[in-house]
């Protein structure tokens, strides 16, 4: 239960950071999308680092069904725990979005109209998720304490070098379909984004098997 609560709180916190910084960045940037994205990416990286440091020793700080799934493939997570982890991650992500709307005085439940369809976005999600899992799998081989910083800085960079702005997280993808703000995604794009993310997981598993024998 401690691990599940940590995953719930951590994923909710992650979505508060992602959606809240998107709203604030867009509000203060006066229409400058580059400044809004800069604020969004820096806040997300900083928040992710803090959340991993806070909850990592309790649950592993997955906050991401893709990460939990690769941990299951590595036999570090039982099937029952995988299902529970994914369930609380999705629930926590949605709760985080609703709380963010409440803090910014917005309608609590929204449906995004931000269309992120197209092959280029799906390719971006494959690459973004592939990179994330490789960072998680390899960055801590010599010093596991450096993994939080590696993951946080990777996500910050991936915001800028992928056209999808690196969702790389099925729970985040689902939750962001419930916000019609800067970070939202039209619900019709959610299934294909999630499929692309799990394709990235599969490719990363193959790469890790070849390079690190995991």
Protein backbone atom coordinates (compact mmCIF):
# COMPACT_ATOMS: atom_id res chain seq x y z
CA UNK A 1 0.00 0.00 0.00
CA UNK A 2 2.88 2.39 0.69
CA UNK A 3 4.23 1.82 -2.81
CA UNK A 4 0.81 2.28 -4.41
CA UNK A 5 0.21 5.51 -2.49
CA UNK A 6 3.64 6.77 -3.55
CA UNK A 7 2.84 6.00 -7.19
CA UNK A 8 -0.53 7.76 -6.89
CA UNK A 9 0.91 10.86 -5.26
CA UNK A 10 3.94 10.98 -7.52
CA UNK A 11 1.94 10.66 -10.74
CA UNK A 12 -0.60 13.22 -9.53
CA UNK A 13 2.27 15.56 -8.67
CA UNK A 14 3.83 15.05 -12.09
CA UNK A 15 0.61 16.04 -13.84
CA UNK A 16 0.21 19.07 -11.59
CA UNK A 17 3.68 20.17 -12.70
CA UNK A 18 3.10 19.41 -16.40
CA UNK A 19 -0.35 20.95 -16.75
CA UNK A 20 0.12 23.75 -14.22
CA UNK A 21 3.37 24.99 -15.72
CA UNK A 22 1.77 24.79 -19.16
CA UNK A 23 -1.11 26.99 -18.04
CA UNK A 24 1.16 29.44 -16.26
CA UNK A 25 3.68 29.55 -19.10
CA UNK A 26 1.02 30.17 -21.72
CA UNK A 27 -0.63 32.83 -19.55
CA UNK A 28 2.56 34.79 -18.91
CA UNK A 29 4.23 34.38 -22.30
CA UNK A 30 1.67 36.58 -24.11
CA UNK A 31 1.37 34.21 -27.03
CA UNK A 32 5.05 33.32 -27.35
CA UNK A 33 4.94 29.53 -27.71
CA UNK A 34 8.71 29.15 -27.31
CA UNK A 35 8.68 30.81 -23.88
CA UNK A 36 5.65 28.77 -22.84
CA UNK A 37 7.39 25.54 -23.86
CA UNK A 38 10.59 26.60 -22.11
CA UNK A 39 8.67 27.19 -18.87
CA UNK A 40 6.81 23.90 -19.30
CA UNK A 41 9.95 21.83 -19.96
CA UNK A 42 12.08 23.34 -17.18
CA UNK A 43 9.31 22.98 -14.61
CA UNK A 44 8.65 19.40 -15.68
CA UNK A 45 12.31 18.43 -15.43
CA UNK A 46 12.73 20.06 -12.02
CA UNK A 47 9.49 18.61 -10.70
CA UNK A 48 10.28 15.13 -11.98
CA UNK A 49 13.67 15.17 -10.27
CA UNK A 50 12.10 16.21 -6.96
CA UNK A 51 9.36 13.57 -7.23
CA UNK A 52 11.81 10.75 -8.05
CA UNK A 53 14.03 11.76 -5.14
CA UNK A 54 11.01 11.90 -2.83
CA UNK A 55 9.27 8.64 -3.72
CA UNK A 56 12.03 6.54 -5.30
CA UNK A 57 12.90 4.64 -2.13
CA UNK A 58 9.24 3.73 -1.55
CA UNK A 59 7.93 2.57 -4.93
CA UNK A 60 10.78 2.99 -7.38
CA UNK A 61 9.15 6.22 -8.60
CA UNK A 62 7.81 4.82 -11.85
CA UNK A 63 4.90 7.27 -12.33
CA UNK A 64 4.59 5.71 -15.77
CA UNK A 65 2.95 2.47 -17.00
CA UNK A 66 5.71 2.11 -19.59
CA UNK A 67 8.34 2.08 -16.85
CA UNK A 68 6.32 -0.36 -14.76
CA UNK A 69 5.93 -2.59 -17.81
CA UNK A 70 9.66 -2.72 -18.49
CA UNK A 71 10.25 -3.48 -14.80
CA UNK A 72 7.80 -6.36 -15.22
CA UNK A 73 9.72 -7.59 -18.26
CA UNK A 74 12.88 -7.45 -16.14
CA UNK A 75 11.00 -9.57 -13.55
CA UNK A 76 11.35 -6.87 -10.93
CA UNK A 77 7.58 -6.47 -10.65
CA UNK A 78 4.95 -9.17 -10.26
CA UNK A 79 1.96 -9.26 -12.63
CA UNK A 80 -0.46 -8.35 -9.83
CA UNK A 81 1.71 -5.40 -8.80
CA UNK A 82 2.01 -4.29 -12.44
CA UNK A 83 -1.78 -4.07 -12.73
CA UNK A 84 -2.06 -2.19 -9.44
CA UNK A 85 0.77 0.20 -10.33
CA UNK A 86 -0.77 1.06 -13.71
CA UNK A 87 -4.20 1.54 -12.16
CA UNK A 88 -3.06 4.02 -9.50
CA UNK A 89 -0.80 5.82 -11.98
CA UNK A 90 -3.72 6.51 -14.33
CA UNK A 91 -5.99 7.50 -11.44
CA UNK A 92 -3.33 9.74 -9.94
CA UNK A 93 -2.67 11.40 -13.28
CA UNK A 94 -6.33 12.27 -13.80
CA UNK A 95 -6.67 13.54 -10.22
CA UNK A 96 -3.58 15.69 -10.77
CA UNK A 97 -5.17 17.30 -13.83
CA UNK A 98 -8.42 18.02 -11.98
CA UNK A 99 -6.56 19.55 -9.02
CA UNK A 100 -4.57 21.74 -11.39
CA UNK A 101 -7.76 23.02 -13.01
CA UNK A 102 -9.10 23.83 -9.54
CA UNK A 103 -5.95 25.77 -8.61
CA UNK A 104 -6.16 27.87 -11.77
CA UNK A 105 -9.91 28.50 -11.50
CA UNK A 106 -10.78 26.47 -14.58
CA UNK A 107 -13.59 24.04 -15.31
CA UNK A 108 -12.59 20.87 -13.49
CA UNK A 109 -13.36 18.37 -16.24
CA UNK A 110 -12.35 19.33 -19.76
CA UNK A 111 -11.79 17.54 -23.04
CA UNK A 112 -8.82 18.60 -25.09
CA UNK A 113 -9.16 19.95 -28.61
CA UNK A 114 -5.40 19.95 -29.28
CA UNK A 115 -4.95 17.64 -32.25
CA UNK A 116 -1.57 15.91 -32.15
CA UNK A 117 -2.31 13.44 -34.92
CA UNK A 118 0.12 12.50 -37.65
CA UNK A 119 2.94 10.05 -38.20
CA UNK A 120 5.63 12.50 -37.06
CA UNK A 121 4.11 12.68 -33.57
CA UNK A 122 3.88 8.89 -33.32
CA UNK A 123 7.49 8.48 -34.42
CA UNK A 124 8.43 11.06 -31.80
CA UNK A 125 6.70 9.05 -29.10
CA UNK A 126 8.49 5.86 -30.13
CA UNK A 127 11.85 7.63 -29.96
CA UNK A 128 11.04 9.55 -26.76
CA UNK A 129 9.96 6.40 -24.90
CA UNK A 130 12.86 4.37 -26.29
CA UNK A 131 15.27 7.00 -25.00
CA UNK A 132 13.60 7.25 -21.61
CA UNK A 133 13.81 3.52 -20.96
CA UNK A 134 17.43 3.39 -22.14
CA UNK A 135 18.28 6.20 -19.72
CA UNK A 136 16.55 4.37 -16.87
CA UNK A 137 18.13 1.05 -17.79
CA UNK A 138 21.70 2.26 -18.29
CA UNK A 139 22.27 5.53 -16.42
CA UNK A 140 22.34 3.88 -13.01
CA UNK A 141 24.60 0.96 -13.89
CA UNK A 142 27.59 2.59 -12.16
CA UNK A 143 25.83 4.96 -9.77
CA UNK A 144 22.08 4.55 -9.25
CA UNK A 145 21.90 7.84 -7.33
CA UNK A 146 22.48 9.71 -10.59
CA UNK A 147 19.41 8.20 -12.29
CA UNK A 148 16.90 10.85 -11.07
CA UNK A 149 19.00 13.64 -12.56
CA UNK A 150 19.53 11.68 -15.78
CA UNK A 151 15.79 11.04 -16.21
CA UNK A 152 14.84 14.62 -15.39
CA UNK A 153 17.35 16.18 -17.77
CA UNK A 154 16.44 13.70 -20.50
CA UNK A 155 12.75 14.65 -20.30
CA UNK A 156 13.65 18.36 -20.33
CA UNK A 157 15.71 17.87 -23.49
CA UNK A 158 13.14 15.59 -25.11
CA UNK A 159 10.50 18.31 -24.83
CA UNK A 160 12.56 20.25 -27.35
CA UNK A 161 13.89 17.57 -29.69
CA UNK A 162 10.64 15.68 -30.37
CA UNK A 163 7.68 17.10 -32.25
CA UNK A 164 5.26 15.54 -29.76
CA UNK A 165 7.08 17.23 -26.83
CA UNK A 166 7.81 13.80 -25.36
CA UNK A 167 4.78 12.46 -23.53
CA UNK A 168 6.54 9.05 -23.23
CA UNK A 169 3.99 7.97 -20.61
CA UNK A 170 0.58 6.32 -21.16
CA UNK A 171 -0.87 7.63 -17.88
CA UNK A 172 0.21 11.17 -18.73
CA UNK A 173 -1.22 10.76 -22.23
CA UNK A 174 -4.62 9.67 -20.92
CA UNK A 175 -4.76 12.43 -18.31
CA UNK A 176 -3.73 15.17 -20.74
CA UNK A 177 -6.75 14.35 -22.89
CA UNK A 178 -8.81 15.77 -19.99
CA UNK A 179 -7.31 19.25 -20.19
CA UNK A 180 -7.97 21.76 -22.95
CA UNK A 181 -4.92 23.79 -22.02
CA UNK A 182 -1.38 24.15 -23.36
CA UNK A 183 -0.43 20.54 -22.63
CA UNK A 184 -3.63 18.82 -23.79
CA UNK A 185 -4.12 16.14 -26.44
CA UNK A 186 -7.29 15.33 -28.37
CA UNK A 187 -8.67 12.02 -27.12
CA UNK A 188 -8.67 10.48 -30.59
CA UNK A 189 -4.87 10.58 -30.56
CA UNK A 190 -4.51 8.81 -27.22
CA UNK A 191 -4.65 5.15 -28.41
CA UNK A 192 -2.06 5.68 -31.14
CA UNK A 193 0.22 7.60 -28.75
CA UNK A 194 0.05 4.76 -26.22
CA UNK A 195 0.71 2.16 -28.93
CA UNK A 196 3.76 4.15 -30.06
CA UNK A 197 5.00 4.40 -26.47
CA UNK A 198 4.79 0.65 -25.93
CA UNK A 199 6.54 0.10 -29.25
CA UNK A 200 9.32 2.28 -27.84
CA UNK A 201 9.36 0.08 -24.73
CA UNK A 202 9.70 -3.03 -26.89
CA UNK A 203 12.58 -1.54 -28.86
CA UNK A 204 14.31 -0.41 -25.69
CA UNK A 205 13.97 -3.91 -24.21
CA UNK A 206 15.63 -5.32 -27.33
CA UNK A 207 18.41 -2.72 -27.22
CA UNK A 208 19.07 -3.40 -23.56
CA UNK A 209 19.16 -7.13 -24.16
CA UNK A 210 21.82 -6.57 -26.81
CA UNK A 211 23.91 -3.96 -25.01
CA UNK A 212 23.52 -4.67 -21.30
CA UNK A 213 22.18 -8.24 -21.29
CA UNK A 214 19.12 -7.20 -19.27
